[in-house]
Amino acid sequence: MKFNKLEITDQIGELDVVYKYKADKKNRPIIRSSNDAIQVIEKLFKVDKLGLQEQFVVVFLNRANRVIGSTHLFSGGITSTVVDIRIVVATALRLVSSAIIVAHNHPSGNLSQSVEDKKLTQKLKEALDLMEIKLLDHIILGHDQEYYSFADTGEI
């Protein structure tokens, strides 16, 4: 069997990663605390659905904790949402993130972290650690601008 280089590259294509930022690098926020993170995170949630369904968002950061990008990644039901850790990690790798902050809301407004919230945080931290990406915080949003920070309570 003959190997034809031209045919192979035509079939599979070539991947090129390009970054196009909407804001100038120096104008992107720097996250130094959970309060700084909330300023970015709250804009990612669909406000009209905060009391209806769980949403999960991620903020991607560079080594200086400057925001590279952010996204509303998953939505679920009234009591939970499925978070695929592989998608979170793959997105962080694609953006060459040094750290991330994740957040989700509790439609009930209750800020208490569930057993599932704790397990997700631990699994996400372990997966990111393998790639040398830091999980800086996991924030739970309630109602009326209230939130719970895993980092502020020393749980990360």
C-alpha atoms as a PDB file:
ATOM      1  CA  MET A   1       0.000   0.000   0.000  1.00  0.00           C
ATOM      2  CA  LYS A   2       1.342   3.420  -0.939  1.00  0.00           C
ATOM      3  CA  PHE A   3       1.224   6.385   1.395  1.00  0.00           C
ATOM      4  CA  ASN A   4      -0.015   9.563  -0.264  1.00  0.00           C
ATOM      5  CA  LYS A   5       0.627  12.567   1.975  1.00  0.00           C
ATOM      6  CA  LEU A   6      -1.597  14.890  -0.052  1.00  0.00           C
ATOM      7  CA  GLU A   7      -4.663  12.675   0.337  1.00  0.00           C
ATOM      8  CA  ILE A   8      -4.221  12.295   4.108  1.00  0.00           C
ATOM      9  CA  THR A   9      -3.941  16.030   4.825  1.00  0.00           C
ATOM     10  CA  ASP A  10      -6.898  16.758   2.571  1.00  0.00           C
ATOM     11  CA  GLN A  11      -9.010  14.294   4.531  1.00  0.00           C
ATOM     12  CA  ILE A  12      -8.138  15.297   8.091  1.00  0.00           C
ATOM     13  CA  GLY A  13      -7.374  18.991   7.775  1.00  0.00           C
ATOM     14  CA  GLU A  14      -5.032  21.032   9.890  1.00  0.00           C
ATOM     15  CA  LEU A  15      -5.863  22.567  13.255  1.00  0.00           C
ATOM     16  CA  ASP A  16      -4.861  26.129  14.073  1.00  0.00           C
ATOM     17  CA  VAL A  17      -5.642  27.728  17.456  1.00  0.00           C
ATOM     18  CA  VAL A  18      -6.230  31.474  17.271  1.00  0.00           C
ATOM     19  CA  TYR A  19      -7.172  33.893  20.043  1.00  0.00           C
ATOM     20  CA  LYS A  20      -9.304  36.936  19.330  1.00  0.00           C
ATOM     21  CA  TYR A  21     -10.186  38.999  22.365  1.00  0.00           C
ATOM     22  CA  LYS A  22     -13.077  41.442  22.407  1.00  0.00           C
ATOM     23  CA  ALA A  23     -11.368  43.641  24.981  1.00  0.00           C
ATOM     24  CA  ASP A  24      -7.811  44.876  25.065  1.00  0.00           C
ATOM     25  CA  LYS A  25      -5.657  42.674  27.329  1.00  0.00           C
ATOM     26  CA  LYS A  26      -5.068  45.444  29.852  1.00  0.00           C
ATOM     27  CA  ASN A  27      -8.831  46.079  30.166  1.00  0.00           C
ATOM     28  CA  ARG A  28      -9.750  42.498  31.074  1.00  0.00           C
ATOM     29  CA  PRO A  29     -10.534  42.078  34.781  1.00  0.00           C
ATOM     30  CA  ILE A  30      -8.102  40.611  37.293  1.00  0.00           C
ATOM     31  CA  ILE A  31      -9.619  38.282  39.899  1.00  0.00           C
ATOM     32  CA  ARG A  32      -8.102  38.747  43.363  1.00  0.00           C
ATOM     33  CA  SER A  33     -11.024  37.640  45.522  1.00  0.00           C
ATOM     34  CA  SER A  34     -14.426  35.991  45.438  1.00  0.00           C
ATOM     35  CA  ASN A  35     -15.948  39.458  45.307  1.00  0.00           C
ATOM     36  CA  ASP A  36     -13.981  40.210  42.118  1.00  0.00           C
ATOM     37  CA  ALA A  37     -15.107  36.861  40.696  1.00  0.00           C
ATOM     38  CA  ILE A  38     -18.774  37.615  41.423  1.00  0.00           C
ATOM     39  CA  GLN A  39     -18.535  40.796  39.325  1.00  0.00           C
ATOM     40  CA  VAL A  40     -17.677  38.636  36.293  1.00  0.00           C
ATOM     41  CA  ILE A  41     -19.757  35.564  37.144  1.00  0.00           C
ATOM     42  CA  GLU A  42     -23.099  37.251  37.752  1.00  0.00           C
ATOM     43  CA  LYS A  43     -23.120  38.523  34.165  1.00  0.00           C
ATOM     44  CA  LEU A  44     -22.915  34.940  32.842  1.00  0.00           C
ATOM     45  CA  PHE A  45     -26.100  33.682  34.482  1.00  0.00           C
ATOM     46  CA  LYS A  46     -29.477  33.872  32.804  1.00  0.00           C
ATOM     47  CA  VAL A  47     -31.072  36.065  35.466  1.00  0.00           C
ATOM     48  CA  ASP A  48     -34.650  35.177  34.567  1.00  0.00           C
ATOM     49  CA  LYS A  49     -33.872  31.492  35.253  1.00  0.00           C
ATOM     50  CA  LEU A  50     -31.929  31.793  38.526  1.00  0.00           C
ATOM     51  CA  GLY A  51     -34.942  30.670  40.563  1.00  0.00           C
ATOM     52  CA  LEU A  52     -35.960  28.015  38.037  1.00  0.00           C
ATOM     53  CA  GLN A  53     -32.968  25.932  36.992  1.00  0.00           C
ATOM     54  CA  GLU A  54     -29.374  25.280  37.947  1.00  0.00           C
ATOM     55  CA  GLN A  55     -26.748  26.859  35.716  1.00  0.00           C
ATOM     56  CA  PHE A  56     -22.992  26.263  35.684  1.00  0.00           C
ATOM     57  CA  VAL A  57     -20.475  28.848  34.493  1.00  0.00           C
ATOM     58  CA  VAL A  58     -16.685  28.946  34.206  1.00  0.00           C
ATOM     59  CA  VAL A  59     -14.193  31.826  34.185  1.00  0.00           C
ATOM     60  CA  PHE A  60     -10.795  31.060  32.606  1.00  0.00           C
ATOM     61  CA  LEU A  61      -7.722  32.937  33.848  1.00  0.00           C
ATOM     62  CA  ASN A  62      -4.079  33.409  32.880  1.00  0.00           C
ATOM     63  CA  ARG A  63      -1.130  33.240  35.314  1.00  0.00           C
ATOM     64  CA  ALA A  64      -1.796  36.802  36.487  1.00  0.00           C
ATOM     65  CA  ASN A  65      -5.436  35.884  37.240  1.00  0.00           C
ATOM     66  CA  ARG A  66      -6.550  38.102  34.369  1.00  0.00           C
ATOM     67  CA  VAL A  67      -9.708  36.848  32.686  1.00  0.00           C
ATOM     68  CA  ILE A  68      -9.041  35.099  29.378  1.00  0.00           C
ATOM     69  CA  GLY A  69     -12.688  34.289  28.826  1.00  0.00           C
ATOM     70  CA  SER A  70     -15.839  33.020  30.448  1.00  0.00           C
ATOM     71  CA  THR A  71     -18.799  30.913  29.482  1.00  0.00           C
ATOM     72  CA  HIS A  72     -22.182  29.608  30.583  1.00  0.00           C
ATOM     73  CA  LEU A  73     -21.318  25.924  30.127  1.00  0.00           C
ATOM     74  CA  PHE A  74     -24.205  23.825  31.464  1.00  0.00           C
ATOM     75  CA  SER A  75     -27.873  24.175  32.437  1.00  0.00           C
ATOM     76  CA  GLY A  76     -29.977  21.633  34.267  1.00  0.00           C
ATOM     77  CA  GLY A  77     -33.154  21.211  36.210  1.00  0.00           C
ATOM     78  CA  ILE A  78     -34.541  22.540  39.452  1.00  0.00           C
ATOM     79  CA  THR A  79     -32.272  20.512  41.729  1.00  0.00           C
ATOM     80  CA  SER A  80     -29.173  19.740  39.683  1.00  0.00           C
ATOM     81  CA  THR A  81     -27.222  20.040  36.475  1.00  0.00           C
ATOM     82  CA  VAL A  82     -24.842  17.580  34.885  1.00  0.00           C
ATOM     83  CA  VAL A  83     -21.301  18.936  34.747  1.00  0.00           C
ATOM     84  CA  ASP A  84     -18.982  17.079  32.388  1.00  0.00           C
ATOM     85  CA  ILE A  85     -15.527  17.564  33.889  1.00  0.00           C
ATOM     86  CA  ARG A  86     -13.896  16.582  30.595  1.00  0.00           C
ATOM     87  CA  ILE A  87     -15.522  19.536  28.835  1.00  0.00           C
ATOM     88  CA  VAL A  88     -14.399  21.947  31.575  1.00  0.00           C
ATOM     89  CA  VAL A  89     -10.811  20.659  31.459  1.00  0.00           C
ATOM     90  CA  ALA A  90     -10.716  20.493  27.649  1.00  0.00           C
ATOM     91  CA  THR A  91     -11.922  24.102  27.396  1.00  0.00           C
ATOM     92  CA  ALA A  92      -9.341  25.245  29.950  1.00  0.00           C
ATOM     93  CA  LEU A  93      -6.608  23.463  28.003  1.00  0.00           C
ATOM     94  CA  ARG A  94      -7.755  24.907  24.706  1.00  0.00           C
ATOM     95  CA  LEU A  95      -7.595  28.410  26.182  1.00  0.00           C
ATOM     96  CA  VAL A  96      -4.214  27.664  27.792  1.00  0.00           C
ATOM     97  CA  SER A  97      -5.667  28.674  31.155  1.00  0.00           C
ATOM     98  CA  SER A  98      -3.538  28.667  34.270  1.00  0.00           C
ATOM     99  CA  ALA A  99      -6.559  28.756  36.566  1.00  0.00           C
ATOM    100  CA  ILE A 100     -10.335  28.656  36.543  1.00  0.00           C
ATOM    101  CA  ILE A 101     -13.221  29.656  38.770  1.00  0.00           C
ATOM    102  CA  VAL A 102     -16.499  27.785  38.547  1.00  0.00           C
ATOM    103  CA  ALA A 103     -19.911  28.799  39.800  1.00  0.00           C
ATOM    104  CA  HIS A 104     -23.417  27.483  39.877  1.00  0.00           C
ATOM    105  CA  ASN A 105     -26.678  28.657  41.347  1.00  0.00           C
ATOM    106  CA  HIS A 106     -29.145  27.045  43.722  1.00  0.00           C
ATOM    107  CA  PRO A 107     -32.656  27.898  42.490  1.00  0.00           C
ATOM    108  CA  SER A 108     -33.951  27.457  46.065  1.00  0.00           C
ATOM    109  CA  GLY A 109     -31.694  30.303  47.213  1.00  0.00           C
ATOM    110  CA  ASN A 110     -30.156  28.014  49.857  1.00  0.00           C
ATOM    111  CA  LEU A 111     -26.394  28.606  49.904  1.00  0.00           C
ATOM    112  CA  SER A 112     -25.526  25.357  51.676  1.00  0.00           C
ATOM    113  CA  GLN A 113     -23.208  23.196  49.611  1.00  0.00           C
ATOM    114  CA  SER A 114     -24.556  19.712  48.979  1.00  0.00           C
ATOM    115  CA  VAL A 115     -22.589  16.468  49.099  1.00  0.00           C
ATOM    116  CA  GLU A 116     -22.710  16.528  45.274  1.00  0.00           C
ATOM    117  CA  ASP A 117     -21.291  20.073  45.219  1.00  0.00           C
ATOM    118  CA  LYS A 118     -18.376  18.963  47.405  1.00  0.00           C
ATOM    119  CA  LYS A 119     -17.737  15.850  45.284  1.00  0.00           C
ATOM    120  CA  LEU A 120     -17.811  17.863  42.056  1.00  0.00           C
ATOM    121  CA  THR A 121     -15.372  20.402  43.489  1.00  0.00           C
ATOM    122  CA  GLN A 122     -12.952  17.668  44.544  1.00  0.00           C
ATOM    123  CA  LYS A 123     -13.169  15.768  41.234  1.00  0.00           C
ATOM    124  CA  LEU A 124     -12.724  18.971  39.227  1.00  0.00           C
ATOM    125  CA  LYS A 125      -9.757  20.027  41.369  1.00  0.00           C
ATOM    126  CA  GLU A 126      -8.084  16.626  40.922  1.00  0.00           C
ATOM    127  CA  ALA A 127      -8.611  16.609  37.149  1.00  0.00           C
ATOM    128  CA  LEU A 128      -7.292  20.166  36.784  1.00  0.00           C
ATOM    129  CA  ASP A 129      -4.308  19.446  39.055  1.00  0.00           C
ATOM    130  CA  LEU A 130      -3.180  16.757  36.590  1.00  0.00           C
ATOM    131  CA  MET A 131      -2.959  19.463  33.924  1.00  0.00           C
ATOM    132  CA  GLU A 132      -1.350  21.994  36.312  1.00  0.00           C
ATOM    133  CA  ILE A 133      -4.420  24.215  36.194  1.00  0.00           C
ATOM    134  CA  LYS A 134      -5.608  25.669  39.497  1.00  0.00           C
ATOM    135  CA  LEU A 135      -9.220  25.605  40.626  1.00  0.00           C
ATOM    136  CA  LEU A 136      -9.268  28.927  42.477  1.00  0.00           C
ATOM    137  CA  ASP A 137     -12.878  28.844  43.641  1.00  0.00           C
ATOM    138  CA  HIS A 138     -16.275  27.230  43.352  1.00  0.00           C
ATOM    139  CA  ILE A 139     -19.009  29.743  44.055  1.00  0.00           C
ATOM    140  CA  ILE A 140     -22.668  29.001  44.752  1.00  0.00           C
ATOM    141  CA  LEU A 141     -25.098  31.792  43.946  1.00  0.00           C
ATOM    142  CA  GLY A 142     -28.292  32.260  45.902  1.00  0.00           C
ATOM    143  CA  HIS A 143     -30.783  35.098  45.646  1.00  0.00           C
ATOM    144  CA  ASP A 144     -30.311  38.831  46.222  1.00  0.00           C
ATOM    145  CA  GLN A 145     -26.579  38.854  45.403  1.00  0.00           C
ATOM    146  CA  GLU A 146     -25.772  36.314  48.133  1.00  0.00           C
ATOM    147  CA  TYR A 147     -23.101  33.713  47.463  1.00  0.00           C
ATOM    148  CA  TYR A 148     -21.015  30.993  49.069  1.00  0.00           C
ATOM    149  CA  SER A 149     -17.310  30.651  48.208  1.00  0.00           C
ATOM    150  CA  PHE A 150     -15.423  27.388  48.710  1.00  0.00           C
ATOM    151  CA  ALA A 151     -12.162  29.374  48.667  1.00  0.00           C
ATOM    152  CA  ASP A 152     -13.286  31.894  51.284  1.00  0.00           C
ATOM    153  CA  THR A 153     -14.134  29.037  53.676  1.00  0.00           C
ATOM    154  CA  GLY A 154     -10.838  27.199  53.023  1.00  0.00           C
ATOM    155  CA  GLU A 155     -12.474  24.241  51.245  1.00  0.00           C
ATOM    156  CA  ILE A 156     -10.270  24.570  48.159  1.00  0.00           C
END
